[in-house]
């Protein structure tokens, strides 16, 4: 069994999520006879292709608890192929209603930028609540892909801040609280193409504008081939009594193309650039039709997680084959036990 770093926090019950109770989050128990650390929602995909007029694919999206239900920012690739961000709302986190028009981001000068061919693109969002405000992080077009950053207080009006970094960068993910007074973000420096490389770095900021103190966290490496090309942070790191639990996507290149799987690692609570444990294999890899077949075959891409601090339940939202939105489940004790056994040594 995994031994948490602070036994006083967990007493005899094992590792705990540092999170509020969320009894109404989506959940299904692990099927009988299944010994895997994660299991899929039985009715995946929860968002099928073309869920509203003008949408072609909704995937790689972010979900948070909101006013007794759930809200989120969703990537939608339109029929012209350009991705933009849309708001979605749900009572149960599974059935979603979407705003048909893209999010309009209000700029510092009061002007509004509307999703259009003239605006560029926006994709792969994360939503991270910090101190009561919902921060949105996405891949933004600024003479190439970089980390866009904004916020909303009501999922109606959205404000855009300065881009966090210069191009080229992807997979920006904020930690859900300040650490030593700093905002902390994970990102993956990249290039202008499909990025045949990629490691995870950490940066800090006191004001969400100026970013520095960059640190290397972990790279595309380890035993086996499943994560030897590139990796990128998924949902916001999940605070636990043992450390920051990080789900991430990991990519390998095979003779018939790329394969995106889901990995897991544990980062130090106080110095999150330090990796305490990292799995030597994936916890999910493309197997189901909604993961193997679509616009981009063989892709699992996690972007959001819901947690119930009372029970230790975790639901991870992930994109499948760049076409569908899906959910998978685990419990904190199961995933940390698995990580302890399957850590890179």
C-alpha atoms as a PDB file:
ATOM      1  CA  UNK A   1       0.000   0.000   0.000  1.00  0.00           C
ATOM      2  CA  UNK A   2       1.092   3.548  -0.690  1.00  0.00           C
ATOM      3  CA  UNK A   3       2.173   5.499   2.385  1.00  0.00           C
ATOM      4  CA  UNK A   4       1.256   9.211   2.181  1.00  0.00           C
ATOM      5  CA  UNK A   5       3.897  11.804   2.989  1.00  0.00           C
ATOM      6  CA  UNK A   6       1.850  13.293   5.838  1.00  0.00           C
ATOM      7  CA  UNK A   7       0.161  10.564   7.917  1.00  0.00           C
ATOM      8  CA  UNK A   8      -1.452  13.186  10.139  1.00  0.00           C
ATOM      9  CA  UNK A   9      -3.616  14.240   7.221  1.00  0.00           C
ATOM     10  CA  UNK A  10      -4.870  10.771   6.463  1.00  0.00           C
ATOM     11  CA  UNK A  11      -4.883   8.929   9.800  1.00  0.00           C
ATOM     12  CA  UNK A  12      -5.622   5.260   9.084  1.00  0.00           C
ATOM     13  CA  UNK A  13      -7.737   5.822   6.000  1.00  0.00           C
ATOM     14  CA  UNK A  14      -4.927   6.231   3.479  1.00  0.00           C
ATOM     15  CA  UNK A  15      -4.262   9.103   1.072  1.00  0.00           C
ATOM     16  CA  UNK A  16      -6.897  11.783   0.699  1.00  0.00           C
ATOM     17  CA  UNK A  17      -7.956  14.327  -1.861  1.00  0.00           C
ATOM     18  CA  UNK A  18      -7.597  17.896  -0.632  1.00  0.00           C
ATOM     19  CA  UNK A  19     -10.912  18.908  -2.166  1.00  0.00           C
ATOM     20  CA  UNK A  20     -14.479  19.820  -1.266  1.00  0.00           C
ATOM     21  CA  UNK A  21     -17.256  17.237  -1.267  1.00  0.00           C
ATOM     22  CA  UNK A  22     -18.870  16.816  -4.682  1.00  0.00           C
ATOM     23  CA  UNK A  23     -21.568  14.147  -4.190  1.00  0.00           C
ATOM     24  CA  UNK A  24     -23.317  14.836  -7.522  1.00  0.00           C
ATOM     25  CA  UNK A  25     -20.268  14.341  -9.745  1.00  0.00           C
ATOM     26  CA  UNK A  26     -20.520  11.734 -12.521  1.00  0.00           C
ATOM     27  CA  UNK A  27     -19.638   8.287 -11.233  1.00  0.00           C
ATOM     28  CA  UNK A  28     -19.816   4.592 -11.974  1.00  0.00           C
ATOM     29  CA  UNK A  29     -18.256   1.905  -9.809  1.00  0.00           C
ATOM     30  CA  UNK A  30     -15.469  -0.222 -11.235  1.00  0.00           C
ATOM     31  CA  UNK A  31     -16.953  -3.249 -13.041  1.00  0.00           C
ATOM     32  CA  UNK A  32     -16.790  -6.535 -11.192  1.00  0.00           C
ATOM     33  CA  UNK A  33     -13.616  -8.446 -11.985  1.00  0.00           C
ATOM     34  CA  UNK A  34     -11.852  -5.356 -13.374  1.00  0.00           C
ATOM     35  CA  UNK A  35      -8.497  -4.728 -11.680  1.00  0.00           C
ATOM     36  CA  UNK A  36      -7.397  -1.756 -13.789  1.00  0.00           C
ATOM     37  CA  UNK A  37      -6.557   1.558 -12.013  1.00  0.00           C
ATOM     38  CA  UNK A  38      -9.031   3.438 -14.246  1.00  0.00           C
ATOM     39  CA  UNK A  39     -12.249   2.412 -15.960  1.00  0.00           C
ATOM     40  CA  UNK A  40     -14.369   4.048 -18.650  1.00  0.00           C
ATOM     41  CA  UNK A  41     -17.882   5.441 -18.383  1.00  0.00           C
ATOM     42  CA  UNK A  42     -20.157   2.753 -19.782  1.00  0.00           C
ATOM     43  CA  UNK A  43     -22.047   5.182 -22.023  1.00  0.00           C
ATOM     44  CA  UNK A  44     -19.034   6.894 -23.621  1.00  0.00           C
ATOM     45  CA  UNK A  45     -18.865   9.064 -25.599  1.00  0.00           C
ATOM     46  CA  UNK A  46     -20.829  11.506 -23.462  1.00  0.00           C
ATOM     47  CA  UNK A  47     -20.592  14.086 -26.280  1.00  0.00           C
ATOM     48  CA  UNK A  48     -20.958  12.638 -29.742  1.00  0.00           C
ATOM     49  CA  UNK A  49     -20.078  14.266 -33.025  1.00  0.00           C
ATOM     50  CA  UNK A  50     -21.978  17.465 -34.007  1.00  0.00           C
ATOM     51  CA  UNK A  51     -23.885  18.061 -30.746  1.00  0.00           C
ATOM     52  CA  UNK A  52     -25.209  21.477 -31.845  1.00  0.00           C
ATOM     53  CA  UNK A  53     -25.689  23.369 -35.124  1.00  0.00           C
ATOM     54  CA  UNK A  54     -22.400  24.424 -36.669  1.00  0.00           C
ATOM     55  CA  UNK A  55     -20.365  22.023 -34.554  1.00  0.00           C
ATOM     56  CA  UNK A  56     -18.349  19.276 -36.167  1.00  0.00           C
ATOM     57  CA  UNK A  57     -16.360  17.888 -33.223  1.00  0.00           C
ATOM     58  CA  UNK A  58     -16.390  18.800 -29.502  1.00  0.00           C
ATOM     59  CA  UNK A  59     -13.463  17.347 -27.560  1.00  0.00           C
ATOM     60  CA  UNK A  60     -10.358  18.166 -25.432  1.00  0.00           C
ATOM     61  CA  UNK A  61     -12.471  20.346 -23.149  1.00  0.00           C
ATOM     62  CA  UNK A  62     -12.650  21.568 -19.545  1.00  0.00           C
ATOM     63  CA  UNK A  63     -15.335  21.036 -16.878  1.00  0.00           C
ATOM     64  CA  UNK A  64     -15.760  22.462 -13.339  1.00  0.00           C
ATOM     65  CA  UNK A  65     -18.489  22.383 -10.665  1.00  0.00           C
ATOM     66  CA  UNK A  66     -20.785  25.394 -10.997  1.00  0.00           C
ATOM     67  CA  UNK A  67     -23.848  26.479  -9.000  1.00  0.00           C
ATOM     68  CA  UNK A  68     -24.943  23.000  -8.010  1.00  0.00           C
ATOM     69  CA  UNK A  69     -24.284  21.599 -11.471  1.00  0.00           C
ATOM     70  CA  UNK A  70     -21.399  21.892 -13.909  1.00  0.00           C
ATOM     71  CA  UNK A  71     -20.081  24.348 -16.484  1.00  0.00           C
ATOM     72  CA  UNK A  72     -17.219  24.202 -18.885  1.00  0.00           C
ATOM     73  CA  UNK A  73     -15.307  25.617 -21.801  1.00  0.00           C
ATOM     74  CA  UNK A  74     -15.345  23.290 -24.798  1.00  0.00           C
ATOM     75  CA  UNK A  75     -13.269  23.045 -27.933  1.00  0.00           C
ATOM     76  CA  UNK A  76     -15.424  22.978 -31.030  1.00  0.00           C
ATOM     77  CA  UNK A  77     -13.940  22.424 -34.466  1.00  0.00           C
ATOM     78  CA  UNK A  78     -16.327  23.958 -36.974  1.00  0.00           C
ATOM     79  CA  UNK A  79     -16.986  22.704 -40.463  1.00  0.00           C
ATOM     80  CA  UNK A  80     -14.280  25.042 -41.753  1.00  0.00           C
ATOM     81  CA  UNK A  81     -11.789  23.155 -39.576  1.00  0.00           C
ATOM     82  CA  UNK A  82     -11.014  26.076 -37.263  1.00  0.00           C
ATOM     83  CA  UNK A  83     -11.273  25.456 -33.491  1.00  0.00           C
ATOM     84  CA  UNK A  84     -12.941  27.925 -31.118  1.00  0.00           C
ATOM     85  CA  UNK A  85     -14.165  27.858 -27.527  1.00  0.00           C
ATOM     86  CA  UNK A  86     -17.811  27.519 -26.466  1.00  0.00           C
ATOM     87  CA  UNK A  87     -19.520  27.487 -23.075  1.00  0.00           C
ATOM     88  CA  UNK A  88     -21.365  24.344 -21.985  1.00  0.00           C
ATOM     89  CA  UNK A  89     -23.668  23.772 -19.009  1.00  0.00           C
ATOM     90  CA  UNK A  90     -24.906  20.558 -17.416  1.00  0.00           C
ATOM     91  CA  UNK A  91     -26.921  19.416 -14.415  1.00  0.00           C
ATOM     92  CA  UNK A  92     -25.121  16.079 -14.082  1.00  0.00           C
ATOM     93  CA  UNK A  93     -21.790  16.530 -15.896  1.00  0.00           C
ATOM     94  CA  UNK A  94     -22.812  14.092 -18.622  1.00  0.00           C
ATOM     95  CA  UNK A  95     -25.628  15.666 -20.678  1.00  0.00           C
ATOM     96  CA  UNK A  96     -24.580  19.087 -21.980  1.00  0.00           C
ATOM     97  CA  UNK A  97     -26.206  22.172 -23.477  1.00  0.00           C
ATOM     98  CA  UNK A  98     -23.927  24.473 -25.448  1.00  0.00           C
ATOM     99  CA  UNK A  99     -23.853  28.120 -26.396  1.00  0.00           C
ATOM    100  CA  UNK A 100     -23.918  27.986 -30.183  1.00  0.00           C
ATOM    101  CA  UNK A 101     -21.749  31.093 -30.588  1.00  0.00           C
ATOM    102  CA  UNK A 102     -18.051  31.116 -29.621  1.00  0.00           C
ATOM    103  CA  UNK A 103     -16.869  32.853 -26.465  1.00  0.00           C
ATOM    104  CA  UNK A 104     -16.217  36.585 -26.891  1.00  0.00           C
ATOM    105  CA  UNK A 105     -13.151  37.663 -24.938  1.00  0.00           C
ATOM    106  CA  UNK A 106     -13.157  41.235 -23.637  1.00  0.00           C
ATOM    107  CA  UNK A 107      -9.741  42.841 -23.912  1.00  0.00           C
ATOM    108  CA  UNK A 108      -8.071  45.232 -21.464  1.00  0.00           C
ATOM    109  CA  UNK A 109      -9.100  48.214 -23.622  1.00  0.00           C
ATOM    110  CA  UNK A 110     -12.746  47.136 -23.560  1.00  0.00           C
ATOM    111  CA  UNK A 111     -12.798  45.786 -27.100  1.00  0.00           C
ATOM    112  CA  UNK A 112     -14.122  42.315 -27.860  1.00  0.00           C
ATOM    113  CA  UNK A 113     -12.507  39.696 -30.046  1.00  0.00           C
ATOM    114  CA  UNK A 114     -14.929  37.310 -31.665  1.00  0.00           C
ATOM    115  CA  UNK A 115     -14.111  33.816 -32.820  1.00  0.00           C
ATOM    116  CA  UNK A 116     -13.711  34.085 -36.590  1.00  0.00           C
ATOM    117  CA  UNK A 117     -11.311  33.294 -39.397  1.00  0.00           C
ATOM    118  CA  UNK A 118      -9.721  36.714 -38.812  1.00  0.00           C
ATOM    119  CA  UNK A 119      -9.138  36.012 -35.146  1.00  0.00           C
ATOM    120  CA  UNK A 120      -7.045  32.880 -35.503  1.00  0.00           C
ATOM    121  CA  UNK A 121      -7.831  29.815 -33.430  1.00  0.00           C
ATOM    122  CA  UNK A 122      -8.399  28.661 -29.838  1.00  0.00           C
ATOM    123  CA  UNK A 123      -8.160  25.077 -28.701  1.00  0.00           C
ATOM    124  CA  UNK A 124      -7.598  22.547 -25.889  1.00  0.00           C
ATOM    125  CA  UNK A 125      -8.864  24.680 -22.968  1.00  0.00           C
ATOM    126  CA  UNK A 126      -8.522  24.088 -19.265  1.00  0.00           C
ATOM    127  CA  UNK A 127     -10.617  25.822 -16.595  1.00  0.00           C
ATOM    128  CA  UNK A 128      -9.062  26.207 -13.141  1.00  0.00           C
ATOM    129  CA  UNK A 129     -10.837  27.865 -10.175  1.00  0.00           C
ATOM    130  CA  UNK A 130      -8.442  29.951  -8.067  1.00  0.00           C
ATOM    131  CA  UNK A 131      -9.689  32.088  -5.183  1.00  0.00           C
ATOM    132  CA  UNK A 132     -13.252  32.016  -6.486  1.00  0.00           C
ATOM    133  CA  UNK A 133     -12.425  33.053 -10.062  1.00  0.00           C
ATOM    134  CA  UNK A 134     -12.572  30.711 -13.046  1.00  0.00           C
ATOM    135  CA  UNK A 135      -9.363  30.979 -15.075  1.00  0.00           C
ATOM    136  CA  UNK A 136      -9.337  29.725 -18.655  1.00  0.00           C
ATOM    137  CA  UNK A 137      -6.113  28.560 -20.282  1.00  0.00           C
ATOM    138  CA  UNK A 138      -5.966  27.509 -23.924  1.00  0.00           C
ATOM    139  CA  UNK A 139      -3.735  27.254 -26.981  1.00  0.00           C
ATOM    140  CA  UNK A 140      -3.980  30.689 -28.593  1.00  0.00           C
ATOM    141  CA  UNK A 141      -2.928  31.946 -32.025  1.00  0.00           C
ATOM    142  CA  UNK A 142      -0.247  34.637 -31.717  1.00  0.00           C
ATOM    143  CA  UNK A 143       1.896  34.265 -34.832  1.00  0.00           C
ATOM    144  CA  UNK A 144       1.908  30.608 -33.898  1.00  0.00           C
ATOM    145  CA  UNK A 145       0.556  28.593 -30.957  1.00  0.00           C
ATOM    146  CA  UNK A 146       1.097  29.904 -27.452  1.00  0.00           C
ATOM    147  CA  UNK A 147      -0.655  29.948 -24.063  1.00  0.00           C
ATOM    148  CA  UNK A 148      -3.752  32.144 -23.932  1.00  0.00           C
ATOM    149  CA  UNK A 149      -5.050  33.160 -20.524  1.00  0.00           C
ATOM    150  CA  UNK A 150      -8.328  34.714 -19.382  1.00  0.00           C
ATOM    151  CA  UNK A 151     -11.013  34.488 -16.735  1.00  0.00           C
ATOM    152  CA  UNK A 152     -14.730  34.580 -16.082  1.00  0.00           C
ATOM    153  CA  UNK A 153     -16.798  35.084 -12.962  1.00  0.00           C
ATOM    154  CA  UNK A 154     -20.101  33.866 -14.401  1.00  0.00           C
ATOM    155  CA  UNK A 155     -19.500  31.871 -17.625  1.00  0.00           C
ATOM    156  CA  UNK A 156     -21.232  34.720 -19.446  1.00  0.00           C
ATOM    157  CA  UNK A 157     -18.575  37.444 -19.724  1.00  0.00           C
ATOM    158  CA  UNK A 158     -14.955  36.476 -20.396  1.00  0.00           C
ATOM    159  CA  UNK A 159     -11.889  38.663 -20.014  1.00  0.00           C
ATOM    160  CA  UNK A 160      -8.607  37.996 -21.774  1.00  0.00           C
ATOM    161  CA  UNK A 161      -5.238  38.617 -20.127  1.00  0.00           C
ATOM    162  CA  UNK A 162      -1.853  38.819 -21.789  1.00  0.00           C
ATOM    163  CA  UNK A 163      -0.534  35.653 -23.393  1.00  0.00           C
ATOM    164  CA  UNK A 164       1.611  33.851 -20.848  1.00  0.00           C
ATOM    165  CA  UNK A 165       4.482  33.038 -23.215  1.00  0.00           C
ATOM    166  CA  UNK A 166       5.784  33.778 -26.693  1.00  0.00           C
ATOM    167  CA  UNK A 167       5.259  31.120 -29.380  1.00  0.00           C
ATOM    168  CA  UNK A 168       5.688  28.272 -29.492  1.00  0.00           C
ATOM    169  CA  UNK A 169       3.994  26.660 -26.521  1.00  0.00           C
ATOM    170  CA  UNK A 170       1.059  24.385 -25.760  1.00  0.00           C
ATOM    171  CA  UNK A 171      -0.716  22.616 -22.892  1.00  0.00           C
ATOM    172  CA  UNK A 172      -0.681  25.447 -20.373  1.00  0.00           C
ATOM    173  CA  UNK A 173      -2.200  24.288 -17.068  1.00  0.00           C
ATOM    174  CA  UNK A 174      -2.483  26.359 -13.875  1.00  0.00           C
ATOM    175  CA  UNK A 175      -2.225  24.805 -10.430  1.00  0.00           C
ATOM    176  CA  UNK A 176      -5.515  25.328  -8.531  1.00  0.00           C
ATOM    177  CA  UNK A 177      -3.952  27.470  -5.803  1.00  0.00           C
ATOM    178  CA  UNK A 178      -0.967  29.727  -5.280  1.00  0.00           C
ATOM    179  CA  UNK A 179       2.252  28.166  -4.023  1.00  0.00           C
ATOM    180  CA  UNK A 180       4.466  30.402  -1.890  1.00  0.00           C
ATOM    181  CA  UNK A 181       2.404  33.361  -3.071  1.00  0.00           C
ATOM    182  CA  UNK A 182       2.887  32.601  -6.776  1.00  0.00           C
ATOM    183  CA  UNK A 183       0.603  31.464  -9.527  1.00  0.00           C
ATOM    184  CA  UNK A 184       2.182  28.320 -10.984  1.00  0.00           C
ATOM    185  CA  UNK A 185       1.720  26.966 -14.499  1.00  0.00           C
ATOM    186  CA  UNK A 186       2.824  23.861 -16.359  1.00  0.00           C
ATOM    187  CA  UNK A 187       3.446  24.115 -20.097  1.00  0.00           C
ATOM    188  CA  UNK A 188       5.117  22.325 -22.988  1.00  0.00           C
ATOM    189  CA  UNK A 189       7.394  24.413 -25.206  1.00  0.00           C
ATOM    190  CA  UNK A 190       6.864  23.288 -28.785  1.00  0.00           C
ATOM    191  CA  UNK A 191       7.274  24.386 -32.393  1.00  0.00           C
ATOM    192  CA  UNK A 192       5.030  25.624 -35.181  1.00  0.00           C
ATOM    193  CA  UNK A 193       4.198  22.175 -36.479  1.00  0.00           C
ATOM    194  CA  UNK A 194       2.914  18.953 -34.950  1.00  0.00           C
ATOM    195  CA  UNK A 195       5.735  19.039 -32.402  1.00  0.00           C
ATOM    196  CA  UNK A 196       7.821  15.867 -32.739  1.00  0.00           C
ATOM    197  CA  UNK A 197       9.189  16.507 -29.228  1.00  0.00           C
ATOM    198  CA  UNK A 198       7.997  17.927 -25.930  1.00  0.00           C
ATOM    199  CA  UNK A 199       8.736  18.015 -22.206  1.00  0.00           C
ATOM    200  CA  UNK A 200       6.812  19.567 -19.295  1.00  0.00           C
ATOM    201  CA  UNK A 201       8.144  22.748 -17.666  1.00  0.00           C
ATOM    202  CA  UNK A 202       6.948  24.842 -14.720  1.00  0.00           C
ATOM    203  CA  UNK A 203       6.779  28.649 -14.520  1.00  0.00           C
ATOM    204  CA  UNK A 204       5.754  31.096 -11.779  1.00  0.00           C
ATOM    205  CA  UNK A 205       4.099  34.520 -11.730  1.00  0.00           C
ATOM    206  CA  UNK A 206       2.997  36.985  -9.076  1.00  0.00           C
ATOM    207  CA  UNK A 207       0.476  38.763 -11.335  1.00  0.00           C
ATOM    208  CA  UNK A 208      -0.516  36.340 -14.165  1.00  0.00           C
ATOM    209  CA  UNK A 209       1.322  38.639 -16.598  1.00  0.00           C
ATOM    210  CA  UNK A 210       5.041  38.247 -15.981  1.00  0.00           C
ATOM    211  CA  UNK A 211       6.234  34.639 -15.940  1.00  0.00           C
ATOM    212  CA  UNK A 212       9.618  33.337 -14.875  1.00  0.00           C
ATOM    213  CA  UNK A 213      11.564  31.015 -12.570  1.00  0.00           C
ATOM    214  CA  UNK A 214      11.164  28.344 -15.248  1.00  0.00           C
ATOM    215  CA  UNK A 215      11.947  24.804 -14.151  1.00  0.00           C
ATOM    216  CA  UNK A 216      12.130  21.466 -15.948  1.00  0.00           C
ATOM    217  CA  UNK A 217       9.629  18.974 -14.513  1.00  0.00           C
ATOM    218  CA  UNK A 218       9.822  15.811 -16.609  1.00  0.00           C
ATOM    219  CA  UNK A 219      10.428  14.710 -20.163  1.00  0.00           C
ATOM    220  CA  UNK A 220       9.322  12.241 -22.789  1.00  0.00           C
ATOM    221  CA  UNK A 221      11.331   9.312 -21.528  1.00  0.00           C
ATOM    222  CA  UNK A 222      11.264   6.256 -19.338  1.00  0.00           C
ATOM    223  CA  UNK A 223      10.991   2.523 -19.884  1.00  0.00           C
ATOM    224  CA  UNK A 224       9.086   1.357 -22.930  1.00  0.00           C
ATOM    225  CA  UNK A 225       8.043   3.343 -25.988  1.00  0.00           C
ATOM    226  CA  UNK A 226       4.607   4.588 -24.916  1.00  0.00           C
ATOM    227  CA  UNK A 227       5.807   8.107 -23.927  1.00  0.00           C
ATOM    228  CA  UNK A 228       9.037   8.480 -25.868  1.00  0.00           C
ATOM    229  CA  UNK A 229       7.978  11.287 -28.260  1.00  0.00           C
ATOM    230  CA  UNK A 230       6.275  14.014 -26.191  1.00  0.00           C
ATOM    231  CA  UNK A 231       4.171  14.589 -23.096  1.00  0.00           C
ATOM    232  CA  UNK A 232       1.851  17.352 -21.891  1.00  0.00           C
ATOM    233  CA  UNK A 233      -0.050  18.182 -18.717  1.00  0.00           C
ATOM    234  CA  UNK A 234      -3.744  17.259 -18.708  1.00  0.00           C
ATOM    235  CA  UNK A 235      -6.194  18.470 -16.039  1.00  0.00           C
ATOM    236  CA  UNK A 236      -5.087  20.923 -13.377  1.00  0.00           C
ATOM    237  CA  UNK A 237      -2.908  19.050 -10.881  1.00  0.00           C
ATOM    238  CA  UNK A 238      -5.057  17.495  -8.154  1.00  0.00           C
ATOM    239  CA  UNK A 239      -4.004  18.256  -4.580  1.00  0.00           C
ATOM    240  CA  UNK A 240      -3.739  15.190  -2.356  1.00  0.00           C
ATOM    241  CA  UNK A 241      -2.205  14.469   1.033  1.00  0.00           C
ATOM    242  CA  UNK A 242       0.649  12.708  -0.800  1.00  0.00           C
ATOM    243  CA  UNK A 243       1.420  15.372  -3.425  1.00  0.00           C
ATOM    244  CA  UNK A 244       0.032  16.882  -6.631  1.00  0.00           C
ATOM    245  CA  UNK A 245      -1.548  14.146  -8.740  1.00  0.00           C
ATOM    246  CA  UNK A 246      -0.916  14.867 -12.425  1.00  0.00           C
ATOM    247  CA  UNK A 247      -2.689  13.096 -15.270  1.00  0.00           C
ATOM    248  CA  UNK A 248      -0.946  13.761 -18.572  1.00  0.00           C
ATOM    249  CA  UNK A 249      -1.016  12.711 -22.198  1.00  0.00           C
ATOM    250  CA  UNK A 250       1.947  10.766 -23.532  1.00  0.00           C
ATOM    251  CA  UNK A 251       2.733  10.183 -27.194  1.00  0.00           C
ATOM    252  CA  UNK A 252       4.667   7.583 -29.128  1.00  0.00           C
ATOM    253  CA  UNK A 253       5.246   7.303 -32.865  1.00  0.00           C
ATOM    254  CA  UNK A 254       4.547   3.942 -34.459  1.00  0.00           C
ATOM    255  CA  UNK A 255       4.796   2.828 -38.064  1.00  0.00           C
ATOM    256  CA  UNK A 256       1.122   3.728 -38.660  1.00  0.00           C
ATOM    257  CA  UNK A 257       1.144   7.095 -36.847  1.00  0.00           C
ATOM    258  CA  UNK A 258       0.999   8.635 -33.382  1.00  0.00           C
ATOM    259  CA  UNK A 259      -0.630   7.067 -30.317  1.00  0.00           C
ATOM    260  CA  UNK A 260      -1.733   9.251 -27.367  1.00  0.00           C
ATOM    261  CA  UNK A 261      -2.147   7.482 -24.018  1.00  0.00           C
ATOM    262  CA  UNK A 262      -2.809   8.728 -20.481  1.00  0.00           C
ATOM    263  CA  UNK A 263      -0.065   8.652 -17.864  1.00  0.00           C
ATOM    264  CA  UNK A 264       0.068   9.663 -14.216  1.00  0.00           C
ATOM    265  CA  UNK A 265       2.690  11.202 -11.941  1.00  0.00           C
ATOM    266  CA  UNK A 266       2.933  12.654  -8.432  1.00  0.00           C
ATOM    267  CA  UNK A 267       4.643  16.014  -7.812  1.00  0.00           C
ATOM    268  CA  UNK A 268       5.907  17.472  -4.559  1.00  0.00           C
ATOM    269  CA  UNK A 269       3.338  19.720  -2.838  1.00  0.00           C
ATOM    270  CA  UNK A 270       5.777  22.513  -1.976  1.00  0.00           C
ATOM    271  CA  UNK A 271       8.229  22.172  -4.861  1.00  0.00           C
ATOM    272  CA  UNK A 272       6.040  20.954  -7.727  1.00  0.00           C
ATOM    273  CA  UNK A 273       8.890  20.809 -10.235  1.00  0.00           C
ATOM    274  CA  UNK A 274      10.086  17.766  -8.284  1.00  0.00           C
ATOM    275  CA  UNK A 275       8.608  14.429  -9.411  1.00  0.00           C
ATOM    276  CA  UNK A 276       7.983  12.037  -6.520  1.00  0.00           C
ATOM    277  CA  UNK A 277       6.635   9.171  -8.627  1.00  0.00           C
ATOM    278  CA  UNK A 278       5.870   8.548 -12.279  1.00  0.00           C
ATOM    279  CA  UNK A 279       4.205   5.536 -13.822  1.00  0.00           C
ATOM    280  CA  UNK A 280       6.261   3.211 -15.998  1.00  0.00           C
ATOM    281  CA  UNK A 281       3.211   2.497 -18.164  1.00  0.00           C
ATOM    282  CA  UNK A 282      -0.051   4.095 -19.207  1.00  0.00           C
ATOM    283  CA  UNK A 283      -3.276   3.990 -17.202  1.00  0.00           C
ATOM    284  CA  UNK A 284      -5.421   4.286 -20.363  1.00  0.00           C
ATOM    285  CA  UNK A 285      -4.504   3.727 -23.996  1.00  0.00           C
ATOM    286  CA  UNK A 286      -6.734   3.856 -27.102  1.00  0.00           C
ATOM    287  CA  UNK A 287      -8.816   0.698 -27.276  1.00  0.00           C
ATOM    288  CA  UNK A 288     -12.459   1.676 -27.711  1.00  0.00           C
ATOM    289  CA  UNK A 289     -13.946   2.763 -31.076  1.00  0.00           C
ATOM    290  CA  UNK A 290     -14.387   6.354 -29.846  1.00  0.00           C
ATOM    291  CA  UNK A 291     -10.627   6.437 -29.113  1.00  0.00           C
ATOM    292  CA  UNK A 292      -9.277   4.546 -32.107  1.00  0.00           C
ATOM    293  CA  UNK A 293     -11.546   5.924 -34.837  1.00  0.00           C
ATOM    294  CA  UNK A 294     -12.185   9.577 -35.651  1.00  0.00           C
ATOM    295  CA  UNK A 295     -10.479  12.610 -37.133  1.00  0.00           C
ATOM    296  CA  UNK A 296      -7.183  11.580 -35.522  1.00  0.00           C
ATOM    297  CA  UNK A 297      -7.104   7.860 -34.702  1.00  0.00           C
ATOM    298  CA  UNK A 298      -5.643   6.492 -31.469  1.00  0.00           C
ATOM    299  CA  UNK A 299      -5.872   9.544 -29.203  1.00  0.00           C
ATOM    300  CA  UNK A 300      -6.694   9.820 -25.488  1.00  0.00           C
ATOM    301  CA  UNK A 301      -6.245  13.443 -24.384  1.00  0.00           C
ATOM    302  CA  UNK A 302      -7.205  14.332 -20.767  1.00  0.00           C
ATOM    303  CA  UNK A 303      -8.155  17.961 -20.033  1.00  0.00           C
ATOM    304  CA  UNK A 304     -10.323  18.084 -16.888  1.00  0.00           C
ATOM    305  CA  UNK A 305     -11.043  16.235 -13.655  1.00  0.00           C
ATOM    306  CA  UNK A 306     -13.772  16.369 -11.023  1.00  0.00           C
ATOM    307  CA  UNK A 307     -13.008  15.234  -7.472  1.00  0.00           C
ATOM    308  CA  UNK A 308     -15.069  14.379  -4.420  1.00  0.00           C
ATOM    309  CA  UNK A 309     -12.957  15.052  -1.345  1.00  0.00           C
ATOM    310  CA  UNK A 310     -15.387  13.132   0.840  1.00  0.00           C
ATOM    311  CA  UNK A 311     -15.081   9.790  -0.950  1.00  0.00           C
ATOM    312  CA  UNK A 312     -11.850  10.084  -2.955  1.00  0.00           C
ATOM    313  CA  UNK A 313     -13.626   9.649  -6.287  1.00  0.00           C
ATOM    314  CA  UNK A 314     -12.073  11.167  -9.440  1.00  0.00           C
ATOM    315  CA  UNK A 315     -13.682  11.569 -12.874  1.00  0.00           C
ATOM    316  CA  UNK A 316     -11.329  12.479 -15.734  1.00  0.00           C
ATOM    317  CA  UNK A 317     -12.716  14.035 -18.929  1.00  0.00           C
ATOM    318  CA  UNK A 318     -10.762  13.239 -22.051  1.00  0.00           C
ATOM    319  CA  UNK A 319     -10.951  13.706 -25.787  1.00  0.00           C
ATOM    320  CA  UNK A 320     -11.138  10.603 -27.968  1.00  0.00           C
ATOM    321  CA  UNK A 321      -9.688  10.498 -31.489  1.00  0.00           C
ATOM    322  CA  UNK A 322      -9.969  14.326 -31.730  1.00  0.00           C
ATOM    323  CA  UNK A 323     -13.709  13.789 -32.198  1.00  0.00           C
ATOM    324  CA  UNK A 324     -15.527  12.782 -28.994  1.00  0.00           C
ATOM    325  CA  UNK A 325     -15.695  13.683 -25.288  1.00  0.00           C
ATOM    326  CA  UNK A 326     -15.437  10.831 -22.784  1.00  0.00           C
ATOM    327  CA  UNK A 327     -15.115  10.166 -19.053  1.00  0.00           C
ATOM    328  CA  UNK A 328     -13.028   7.682 -17.054  1.00  0.00           C
ATOM    329  CA  UNK A 329     -13.020   7.040 -13.304  1.00  0.00           C
ATOM    330  CA  UNK A 330     -10.650   6.154 -10.491  1.00  0.00           C
ATOM    331  CA  UNK A 331     -10.285   6.565  -6.731  1.00  0.00           C
ATOM    332  CA  UNK A 332      -7.374   8.299  -5.070  1.00  0.00           C
ATOM    333  CA  UNK A 333      -6.276   5.181  -3.175  1.00  0.00           C
ATOM    334  CA  UNK A 334      -6.430   3.008  -6.309  1.00  0.00           C
ATOM    335  CA  UNK A 335      -4.429   5.340  -8.532  1.00  0.00           C
ATOM    336  CA  UNK A 336      -1.753   5.994  -5.885  1.00  0.00           C
ATOM    337  CA  UNK A 337      -1.453   2.289  -5.064  1.00  0.00           C
ATOM    338  CA  UNK A 338      -1.013   1.565  -8.768  1.00  0.00           C
ATOM    339  CA  UNK A 339       1.554   4.352  -9.067  1.00  0.00           C
ATOM    340  CA  UNK A 340       3.535   3.015  -6.125  1.00  0.00           C
ATOM    341  CA  UNK A 341       3.737  -0.438  -7.704  1.00  0.00           C
ATOM    342  CA  UNK A 342       4.334   0.775 -11.276  1.00  0.00           C
ATOM    343  CA  UNK A 343       6.570   3.783 -10.625  1.00  0.00           C
ATOM    344  CA  UNK A 344       9.688   4.312 -12.708  1.00  0.00           C
ATOM    345  CA  UNK A 345      12.580   3.024 -10.627  1.00  0.00           C
END
